[in-house]
Amino acid sequence: MSDKRQLVTIITGGSRGIGAATARLCGAEGHSVCVVYREELEKAATVVAEIEEVGGKAIAIQADMALEADIRRLFETVDSKLGPITGLVNNAGIHGPRVRVDELDAVSINQVLAVNVAALFQCSREAVRRMSTKHGGNGGAIVNISSGSARLGSPGAGVLYAASKGAVNSLTIGLSQEVAGEGIRVNAVAPGLTETDMPPADRLKNDGPALPIGRVAQPKEVAEAILWLLSDKASYVAGANLRVGGGRI
């Protein structure tokens, strides 16, 4: 991927947390950014305004990642408003109920898998159809946001979420090998405990000091890793899963 052409990056779940931090960094680096949100228009608009304040270009698009029609509309809108995409950050995700497996119901299971797994397949499909040299594209990069919980399993309160992120890891490995020869690099970032609105506040307070680095991550610290994987500085990196966990394996 050449920095001489316009960088157009879609960031799902881009209105808050790691997604918003990534959008701001991409905007500052000259990407035209699509901030994808489901409900929080005001937060998405704020991220867009912050990018524009530093001379960048950004738009906000509403889309429910659980709906294939929304995903198709998202990519078609970016095609018309920003031009050919060069990057996709599959960041949108939900945790689901913080309960044991024997307390889960089918609705909750399907909701988590729809957003955390099925949507990543569909967004990646749309991106590959546009970026792959096989389809006449010019290449690009996909970064999937995984989690350290995929390895840890999160027993007692998060096995469903952990399993969904295990699927993200497998998608990253397989897709990276499918499209590496077509100009697309696919990688993952696996954040550790990060100060966003997903982890319970008491967990941030109590577990952070116990990490090897002694604190939780800030969203921007994870976003820096994502930005690097999107860039030509990571031009020979494909199929990697970069752990950003403060020393926790």
C-alpha atoms as a PDB file:
ATOM      1  CA  MET A   1       0.000   0.000   0.000  1.00  0.00           C
ATOM      2  CA  SER A   2       1.528   3.272  -1.068  1.00  0.00           C
ATOM      3  CA  ASP A   3       1.277   6.390   1.055  1.00  0.00           C
ATOM      4  CA  LYS A   4       1.175   8.404  -2.176  1.00  0.00           C
ATOM      5  CA  ARG A   5      -2.482   7.583  -2.725  1.00  0.00           C
ATOM      6  CA  GLN A   6      -5.314   8.724  -0.526  1.00  0.00           C
ATOM      7  CA  LEU A   7      -5.782   6.577   2.552  1.00  0.00           C
ATOM      8  CA  VAL A   8      -9.439   5.828   3.268  1.00  0.00           C
ATOM      9  CA  THR A   9     -10.095   3.925   6.472  1.00  0.00           C
ATOM     10  CA  ILE A  10     -13.326   2.532   7.898  1.00  0.00           C
ATOM     11  CA  ILE A  11     -13.417   2.108  11.674  1.00  0.00           C
ATOM     12  CA  THR A  12     -16.371   0.222  13.096  1.00  0.00           C
ATOM     13  CA  GLY A  13     -17.299   1.122  16.644  1.00  0.00           C
ATOM     14  CA  GLY A  14     -15.532   4.390  15.975  1.00  0.00           C
ATOM     15  CA  SER A  15     -17.515   6.702  18.229  1.00  0.00           C
ATOM     16  CA  ARG A  16     -15.852   5.788  21.532  1.00  0.00           C
ATOM     17  CA  GLY A  17     -13.012   3.985  23.263  1.00  0.00           C
ATOM     18  CA  ILE A  18     -10.330   2.337  21.162  1.00  0.00           C
ATOM     19  CA  GLY A  19     -12.243   3.018  17.938  1.00  0.00           C
ATOM     20  CA  ALA A  20     -12.460   6.750  18.575  1.00  0.00           C
ATOM     21  CA  ALA A  21      -8.787   6.936  19.532  1.00  0.00           C
ATOM     22  CA  THR A  22      -7.881   5.097  16.331  1.00  0.00           C
ATOM     23  CA  ALA A  23     -10.029   7.436  14.253  1.00  0.00           C
ATOM     24  CA  ARG A  24      -8.292  10.479  15.722  1.00  0.00           C
ATOM     25  CA  LEU A  25      -4.811   9.055  15.055  1.00  0.00           C
ATOM     26  CA  CYS A  26      -5.724   8.038  11.510  1.00  0.00           C
ATOM     27  CA  GLY A  27      -7.148  11.478  10.831  1.00  0.00           C
ATOM     28  CA  ALA A  28      -3.991  13.132  12.113  1.00  0.00           C
ATOM     29  CA  GLU A  29      -1.938  10.903   9.795  1.00  0.00           C
ATOM     30  CA  GLY A  30      -3.869  11.973   6.710  1.00  0.00           C
ATOM     31  CA  HIS A  31      -6.450   9.209   6.411  1.00  0.00           C
ATOM     32  CA  SER A  32      -9.944  10.041   5.287  1.00  0.00           C
ATOM     33  CA  VAL A  33     -11.857   8.356   8.090  1.00  0.00           C
ATOM     34  CA  CYS A  34     -15.289   6.802   8.263  1.00  0.00           C
ATOM     35  CA  VAL A  35     -16.450   6.711  11.881  1.00  0.00           C
ATOM     36  CA  VAL A  36     -19.064   3.975  12.134  1.00  0.00           C
ATOM     37  CA  TYR A  37     -21.521   4.113  15.013  1.00  0.00           C
ATOM     38  CA  ARG A  38     -24.720   2.310  15.969  1.00  0.00           C
ATOM     39  CA  GLU A  39     -26.519   4.686  18.335  1.00  0.00           C
ATOM     40  CA  GLU A  40     -24.256   7.444  19.640  1.00  0.00           C
ATOM     41  CA  LEU A  41     -24.466  10.068  16.901  1.00  0.00           C
ATOM     42  CA  GLU A  42     -23.250  12.901  19.153  1.00  0.00           C
ATOM     43  CA  LYS A  43     -20.079  11.040  20.106  1.00  0.00           C
ATOM     44  CA  ALA A  44     -19.415  10.094  16.478  1.00  0.00           C
ATOM     45  CA  ALA A  45     -19.962  13.704  15.390  1.00  0.00           C
ATOM     46  CA  THR A  46     -17.521  14.864  18.051  1.00  0.00           C
ATOM     47  CA  VAL A  47     -14.827  12.507  16.733  1.00  0.00           C
ATOM     48  CA  VAL A  48     -15.443  13.762  13.189  1.00  0.00           C
ATOM     49  CA  ALA A  49     -15.189  17.378  14.374  1.00  0.00           C
ATOM     50  CA  GLU A  50     -11.917  16.671  16.190  1.00  0.00           C
ATOM     51  CA  ILE A  51     -10.436  15.187  13.030  1.00  0.00           C
ATOM     52  CA  GLU A  52     -11.600  18.145  10.945  1.00  0.00           C
ATOM     53  CA  GLU A  53     -10.160  20.615  13.475  1.00  0.00           C
ATOM     54  CA  VAL A  54      -6.652  19.341  12.702  1.00  0.00           C
ATOM     55  CA  GLY A  55      -7.226  19.519   8.952  1.00  0.00           C
ATOM     56  CA  GLY A  56      -8.372  15.957   8.373  1.00  0.00           C
ATOM     57  CA  LYS A  57     -11.374  14.565   6.544  1.00  0.00           C
ATOM     58  CA  ALA A  58     -13.977  12.377   8.220  1.00  0.00           C
ATOM     59  CA  ILE A  59     -17.579  11.306   8.010  1.00  0.00           C
ATOM     60  CA  ALA A  60     -19.870   9.465  10.430  1.00  0.00           C
ATOM     61  CA  ILE A  61     -22.135   6.674   9.210  1.00  0.00           C
ATOM     62  CA  GLN A  62     -24.744   4.873  11.261  1.00  0.00           C
ATOM     63  CA  ALA A  63     -24.776   1.104  10.859  1.00  0.00           C
ATOM     64  CA  ASP A  64     -25.859  -1.838  12.974  1.00  0.00           C
ATOM     65  CA  MET A  65     -23.155  -4.472  12.653  1.00  0.00           C
ATOM     66  CA  ALA A  66     -25.726  -7.195  13.282  1.00  0.00           C
ATOM     67  CA  LEU A  67     -27.489  -6.314   9.999  1.00  0.00           C
ATOM     68  CA  GLU A  68     -25.972  -7.321   6.679  1.00  0.00           C
ATOM     69  CA  ALA A  69     -27.984  -4.673   4.839  1.00  0.00           C
ATOM     70  CA  ASP A  70     -26.413  -1.983   7.036  1.00  0.00           C
ATOM     71  CA  ILE A  71     -22.934  -3.319   6.362  1.00  0.00           C
ATOM     72  CA  ARG A  72     -23.486  -3.270   2.610  1.00  0.00           C
ATOM     73  CA  ARG A  73     -24.895   0.268   2.816  1.00  0.00           C
ATOM     74  CA  LEU A  74     -21.902   1.363   4.906  1.00  0.00           C
ATOM     75  CA  PHE A  75     -19.363   0.305   2.294  1.00  0.00           C
ATOM     76  CA  GLU A  76     -21.393   1.662  -0.608  1.00  0.00           C
ATOM     77  CA  THR A  77     -21.680   5.027   1.149  1.00  0.00           C
ATOM     78  CA  VAL A  78     -17.947   5.177   1.744  1.00  0.00           C
ATOM     79  CA  ASP A  79     -17.364   4.333  -1.924  1.00  0.00           C
ATOM     80  CA  SER A  80     -19.375   7.364  -2.974  1.00  0.00           C
ATOM     81  CA  LYS A  81     -18.342   9.847  -0.273  1.00  0.00           C
ATOM     82  CA  LEU A  82     -14.669   9.043   0.387  1.00  0.00           C
ATOM     83  CA  GLY A  83     -13.529   6.886  -2.501  1.00  0.00           C
ATOM     84  CA  PRO A  84     -11.802   3.482  -2.623  1.00  0.00           C
ATOM     85  CA  ILE A  85     -10.998   2.161   0.835  1.00  0.00           C
ATOM     86  CA  THR A  86      -7.447   1.258   1.808  1.00  0.00           C
ATOM     87  CA  GLY A  87      -8.034   0.212   5.405  1.00  0.00           C
ATOM     88  CA  LEU A  88     -10.592  -1.456   7.637  1.00  0.00           C
ATOM     89  CA  VAL A  89     -10.507  -1.644  11.417  1.00  0.00           C
ATOM     90  CA  ASN A  90     -12.975  -4.250  12.660  1.00  0.00           C
ATOM     91  CA  ASN A  91     -13.374  -2.789  16.128  1.00  0.00           C
ATOM     92  CA  ALA A  92     -17.100  -2.935  16.944  1.00  0.00           C
ATOM     93  CA  GLY A  93     -17.904  -5.505  19.591  1.00  0.00           C
ATOM     94  CA  ILE A  94     -20.159  -6.280  22.527  1.00  0.00           C
ATOM     95  CA  HIS A  95     -19.440  -8.264  25.660  1.00  0.00           C
ATOM     96  CA  GLY A  96     -22.784  -9.859  26.347  1.00  0.00           C
ATOM     97  CA  PRO A  97     -24.055 -11.017  29.757  1.00  0.00           C
ATOM     98  CA  ARG A  98     -21.406 -11.375  32.449  1.00  0.00           C
ATOM     99  CA  VAL A  99     -22.602 -14.802  33.535  1.00  0.00           C
ATOM    100  CA  ARG A 100     -21.544 -18.437  33.463  1.00  0.00           C
ATOM    101  CA  VAL A 101     -22.157 -20.530  30.350  1.00  0.00           C
ATOM    102  CA  ASP A 102     -24.979 -22.429  32.063  1.00  0.00           C
ATOM    103  CA  GLU A 103     -26.833 -19.144  32.532  1.00  0.00           C
ATOM    104  CA  LEU A 104     -26.683 -18.016  28.885  1.00  0.00           C
ATOM    105  CA  ASP A 105     -29.696 -17.936  26.602  1.00  0.00           C
ATOM    106  CA  ALA A 106     -29.768 -18.359  22.837  1.00  0.00           C
ATOM    107  CA  VAL A 107     -30.667 -14.720  22.191  1.00  0.00           C
ATOM    108  CA  SER A 108     -27.589 -13.445  24.024  1.00  0.00           C
ATOM    109  CA  ILE A 109     -25.322 -15.981  22.328  1.00  0.00           C
ATOM    110  CA  ASN A 110     -26.606 -15.050  18.874  1.00  0.00           C
ATOM    111  CA  GLN A 111     -26.307 -11.306  19.561  1.00  0.00           C
ATOM    112  CA  VAL A 112     -22.654 -11.559  20.579  1.00  0.00           C
ATOM    113  CA  LEU A 113     -21.723 -13.829  17.693  1.00  0.00           C
ATOM    114  CA  ALA A 114     -23.593 -11.626  15.208  1.00  0.00           C
ATOM    115  CA  VAL A 115     -21.649  -8.491  16.163  1.00  0.00           C
ATOM    116  CA  ASN A 116     -18.294  -9.963  17.174  1.00  0.00           C
ATOM    117  CA  VAL A 117     -17.938 -12.676  14.536  1.00  0.00           C
ATOM    118  CA  ALA A 118     -20.450 -12.582  11.682  1.00  0.00           C
ATOM    119  CA  ALA A 119     -20.033  -8.833  11.175  1.00  0.00           C
ATOM    120  CA  LEU A 120     -16.257  -9.201  10.909  1.00  0.00           C
ATOM    121  CA  PHE A 121     -16.681 -11.782   8.160  1.00  0.00           C
ATOM    122  CA  GLN A 122     -19.109  -9.540   6.296  1.00  0.00           C
ATOM    123  CA  CYS A 123     -17.056  -6.351   6.685  1.00  0.00           C
ATOM    124  CA  SER A 124     -13.908  -8.213   5.660  1.00  0.00           C
ATOM    125  CA  ARG A 125     -15.734  -9.642   2.645  1.00  0.00           C
ATOM    126  CA  GLU A 126     -16.773  -6.182   1.501  1.00  0.00           C
ATOM    127  CA  ALA A 127     -13.258  -4.823   2.069  1.00  0.00           C
ATOM    128  CA  VAL A 128     -11.587  -7.660   0.170  1.00  0.00           C
ATOM    129  CA  ARG A 129     -13.959  -7.222  -2.758  1.00  0.00           C
ATOM    130  CA  ARG A 130     -12.778  -3.628  -3.000  1.00  0.00           C
ATOM    131  CA  MET A 131      -9.090  -3.855  -2.075  1.00  0.00           C
ATOM    132  CA  SER A 132      -7.930  -7.170  -3.547  1.00  0.00           C
ATOM    133  CA  THR A 133      -5.880  -7.003  -6.720  1.00  0.00           C
ATOM    134  CA  LYS A 134      -7.840 -10.103  -7.772  1.00  0.00           C
ATOM    135  CA  HIS A 135     -10.892  -7.861  -7.956  1.00  0.00           C
ATOM    136  CA  GLY A 136      -9.104  -4.904  -9.537  1.00  0.00           C
ATOM    137  CA  GLY A 137      -8.219  -3.150  -6.291  1.00  0.00           C
ATOM    138  CA  ASN A 138      -4.942  -1.644  -5.147  1.00  0.00           C
ATOM    139  CA  GLY A 139      -4.454  -3.516  -1.891  1.00  0.00           C
ATOM    140  CA  GLY A 140      -4.850  -2.361   1.671  1.00  0.00           C
ATOM    141  CA  ALA A 141      -4.880  -3.481   5.291  1.00  0.00           C
ATOM    142  CA  ILE A 142      -7.407  -5.000   7.678  1.00  0.00           C
ATOM    143  CA  VAL A 143      -6.930  -4.900  11.439  1.00  0.00           C
ATOM    144  CA  ASN A 144      -9.212  -7.031  13.578  1.00  0.00           C
ATOM    145  CA  ILE A 145      -9.601  -6.167  17.244  1.00  0.00           C
ATOM    146  CA  SER A 146      -9.327  -9.319  19.301  1.00  0.00           C
ATOM    147  CA  SER A 147      -8.749  -9.617  23.048  1.00  0.00           C
ATOM    148  CA  GLY A 148      -6.439 -11.303  25.482  1.00  0.00           C
ATOM    149  CA  SER A 149      -9.524 -13.078  26.757  1.00  0.00           C
ATOM    150  CA  ALA A 150      -9.394 -15.352  23.706  1.00  0.00           C
ATOM    151  CA  ARG A 151      -6.408 -17.048  25.322  1.00  0.00           C
ATOM    152  CA  LEU A 152      -7.486 -16.628  28.948  1.00  0.00           C
ATOM    153  CA  GLY A 153     -11.037 -17.915  28.429  1.00  0.00           C
ATOM    154  CA  SER A 154     -12.606 -15.521  30.967  1.00  0.00           C
ATOM    155  CA  PRO A 155     -14.326 -18.199  33.065  1.00  0.00           C
ATOM    156  CA  GLY A 156     -17.234 -17.187  35.255  1.00  0.00           C
ATOM    157  CA  ALA A 157     -18.290 -14.030  33.450  1.00  0.00           C
ATOM    158  CA  GLY A 158     -17.052 -13.922  29.879  1.00  0.00           C
ATOM    159  CA  VAL A 159     -16.594 -17.278  28.129  1.00  0.00           C
ATOM    160  CA  LEU A 160     -18.965 -16.211  25.347  1.00  0.00           C
ATOM    161  CA  TYR A 161     -17.012 -13.030  24.684  1.00  0.00           C
ATOM    162  CA  ALA A 162     -13.704 -14.892  24.864  1.00  0.00           C
ATOM    163  CA  ALA A 163     -14.923 -17.513  22.406  1.00  0.00           C
ATOM    164  CA  SER A 164     -16.043 -14.821  19.985  1.00  0.00           C
ATOM    165  CA  LYS A 165     -12.559 -13.320  20.086  1.00  0.00           C
ATOM    166  CA  GLY A 166     -11.061 -16.761  19.509  1.00  0.00           C
ATOM    167  CA  ALA A 167     -13.043 -16.783  16.280  1.00  0.00           C
ATOM    168  CA  VAL A 168     -11.567 -13.385  15.428  1.00  0.00           C
ATOM    169  CA  ASN A 169      -8.092 -14.877  15.819  1.00  0.00           C
ATOM    170  CA  SER A 170      -8.919 -17.763  13.495  1.00  0.00           C
ATOM    171  CA  LEU A 171     -10.424 -15.404  10.932  1.00  0.00           C
ATOM    172  CA  THR A 172      -7.265 -13.312  11.036  1.00  0.00           C
ATOM    173  CA  ILE A 173      -4.999 -16.310  10.468  1.00  0.00           C
ATOM    174  CA  GLY A 174      -7.019 -17.771   7.623  1.00  0.00           C
ATOM    175  CA  LEU A 175      -7.951 -14.569   5.796  1.00  0.00           C
ATOM    176  CA  SER A 176      -4.419 -13.221   6.002  1.00  0.00           C
ATOM    177  CA  GLN A 177      -3.187 -16.228   4.034  1.00  0.00           C
ATOM    178  CA  GLU A 178      -6.024 -16.027   1.518  1.00  0.00           C
ATOM    179  CA  VAL A 179      -5.314 -12.438   0.527  1.00  0.00           C
ATOM    180  CA  ALA A 180      -1.649 -11.755   1.324  1.00  0.00           C
ATOM    181  CA  GLY A 181      -0.772 -12.354  -2.320  1.00  0.00           C
ATOM    182  CA  GLU A 182      -3.529  -9.967  -3.409  1.00  0.00           C
ATOM    183  CA  GLY A 183      -2.073  -6.876  -1.762  1.00  0.00           C
ATOM    184  CA  ILE A 184      -4.010  -7.077   1.512  1.00  0.00           C
ATOM    185  CA  ARG A 185      -2.399  -7.483   4.912  1.00  0.00           C
ATOM    186  CA  VAL A 186      -4.681  -8.850   7.647  1.00  0.00           C
ATOM    187  CA  ASN A 187      -3.600  -8.646  11.267  1.00  0.00           C
ATOM    188  CA  ALA A 188      -5.091  -8.492  14.747  1.00  0.00           C
ATOM    189  CA  VAL A 189      -4.507  -6.472  17.883  1.00  0.00           C
ATOM    190  CA  ALA A 190      -5.337  -8.100  21.220  1.00  0.00           C
ATOM    191  CA  PRO A 191      -5.755  -5.397  23.858  1.00  0.00           C
ATOM    192  CA  GLY A 192      -5.490  -6.084  27.532  1.00  0.00           C
ATOM    193  CA  LEU A 193      -7.513  -4.292  30.180  1.00  0.00           C
ATOM    194  CA  THR A 194      -8.189  -0.844  28.721  1.00  0.00           C
ATOM    195  CA  GLU A 195      -9.908   2.194  30.187  1.00  0.00           C
ATOM    196  CA  THR A 196     -13.091   2.186  28.123  1.00  0.00           C
ATOM    197  CA  ASP A 197     -16.749   1.807  29.001  1.00  0.00           C
ATOM    198  CA  MET A 198     -16.712  -1.968  28.386  1.00  0.00           C
ATOM    199  CA  PRO A 199     -14.945  -3.284  31.537  1.00  0.00           C
ATOM    200  CA  PRO A 200     -16.732  -2.718  34.859  1.00  0.00           C
ATOM    201  CA  ALA A 201     -15.302   0.266  36.747  1.00  0.00           C
ATOM    202  CA  ASP A 202     -14.360  -1.860  39.745  1.00  0.00           C
ATOM    203  CA  ARG A 203     -12.324  -4.160  37.538  1.00  0.00           C
ATOM    204  CA  LEU A 204     -10.394  -1.240  36.084  1.00  0.00           C
ATOM    205  CA  LYS A 205      -9.661   0.004  39.585  1.00  0.00           C
ATOM    206  CA  ASN A 206      -8.772  -3.317  41.183  1.00  0.00           C
ATOM    207  CA  ASP A 207      -7.110  -5.297  38.391  1.00  0.00           C
ATOM    208  CA  GLY A 208      -5.023  -2.545  36.810  1.00  0.00           C
ATOM    209  CA  PRO A 209      -2.397  -2.333  39.574  1.00  0.00           C
ATOM    210  CA  ALA A 210      -1.982  -6.128  39.452  1.00  0.00           C
ATOM    211  CA  LEU A 211      -0.849  -6.103  35.815  1.00  0.00           C
ATOM    212  CA  PRO A 212       2.917  -6.431  35.225  1.00  0.00           C
ATOM    213  CA  ILE A 213       3.064  -2.845  33.949  1.00  0.00           C
ATOM    214  CA  GLY A 214       1.085  -1.678  36.983  1.00  0.00           C
ATOM    215  CA  ARG A 215      -1.895   0.004  35.287  1.00  0.00           C
ATOM    216  CA  VAL A 216      -4.596  -0.344  32.659  1.00  0.00           C
ATOM    217  CA  ALA A 217      -4.071   0.806  29.086  1.00  0.00           C
ATOM    218  CA  GLN A 218      -5.350   4.048  27.643  1.00  0.00           C
ATOM    219  CA  PRO A 219      -7.275   3.723  24.342  1.00  0.00           C
ATOM    220  CA  LYS A 220      -4.645   5.738  22.484  1.00  0.00           C
ATOM    221  CA  GLU A 221      -1.941   3.238  23.429  1.00  0.00           C
ATOM    222  CA  VAL A 222      -3.889   0.467  21.717  1.00  0.00           C
ATOM    223  CA  ALA A 223      -4.723   2.751  18.804  1.00  0.00           C
ATOM    224  CA  GLU A 224      -1.025   3.353  18.150  1.00  0.00           C
ATOM    225  CA  ALA A 225      -0.575  -0.368  17.493  1.00  0.00           C
ATOM    226  CA  ILE A 226      -3.553  -0.385  15.147  1.00  0.00           C
ATOM    227  CA  LEU A 227      -2.240   2.627  13.248  1.00  0.00           C
ATOM    228  CA  TRP A 228       1.143   0.932  12.822  1.00  0.00           C
ATOM    229  CA  LEU A 229      -0.439  -2.202  11.368  1.00  0.00           C
ATOM    230  CA  LEU A 230      -2.417  -0.059   8.916  1.00  0.00           C
ATOM    231  CA  SER A 231       0.726   1.717   7.765  1.00  0.00           C
ATOM    232  CA  ASP A 232       3.492   0.819   5.340  1.00  0.00           C
ATOM    233  CA  LYS A 233       5.788   0.558   8.355  1.00  0.00           C
ATOM    234  CA  ALA A 234       4.199  -2.870   8.831  1.00  0.00           C
ATOM    235  CA  SER A 235       4.515  -3.759   5.145  1.00  0.00           C
ATOM    236  CA  TYR A 236       5.801  -7.299   5.819  1.00  0.00           C
ATOM    237  CA  VAL A 237       3.448  -8.061   8.700  1.00  0.00           C
ATOM    238  CA  ALA A 238       0.532 -10.346   7.854  1.00  0.00           C
ATOM    239  CA  GLY A 239      -1.298 -12.839  10.028  1.00  0.00           C
ATOM    240  CA  ALA A 240       0.117 -11.377  13.229  1.00  0.00           C
ATOM    241  CA  ASN A 241      -1.729 -10.981  16.508  1.00  0.00           C
ATOM    242  CA  LEU A 242      -0.144  -8.104  18.380  1.00  0.00           C
ATOM    243  CA  ARG A 243      -0.766  -8.337  22.128  1.00  0.00           C
ATOM    244  CA  VAL A 244      -1.057  -4.951  23.800  1.00  0.00           C
ATOM    245  CA  GLY A 245      -1.516  -6.204  27.334  1.00  0.00           C
ATOM    246  CA  GLY A 246       0.877  -4.413  29.639  1.00  0.00           C
ATOM    247  CA  GLY A 247       2.988  -7.523  30.097  1.00  0.00           C
ATOM    248  CA  ARG A 248       0.122  -9.948  30.570  1.00  0.00           C
ATOM    249  CA  ILE A 249       0.482 -12.774  28.089  1.00  0.00           C
END
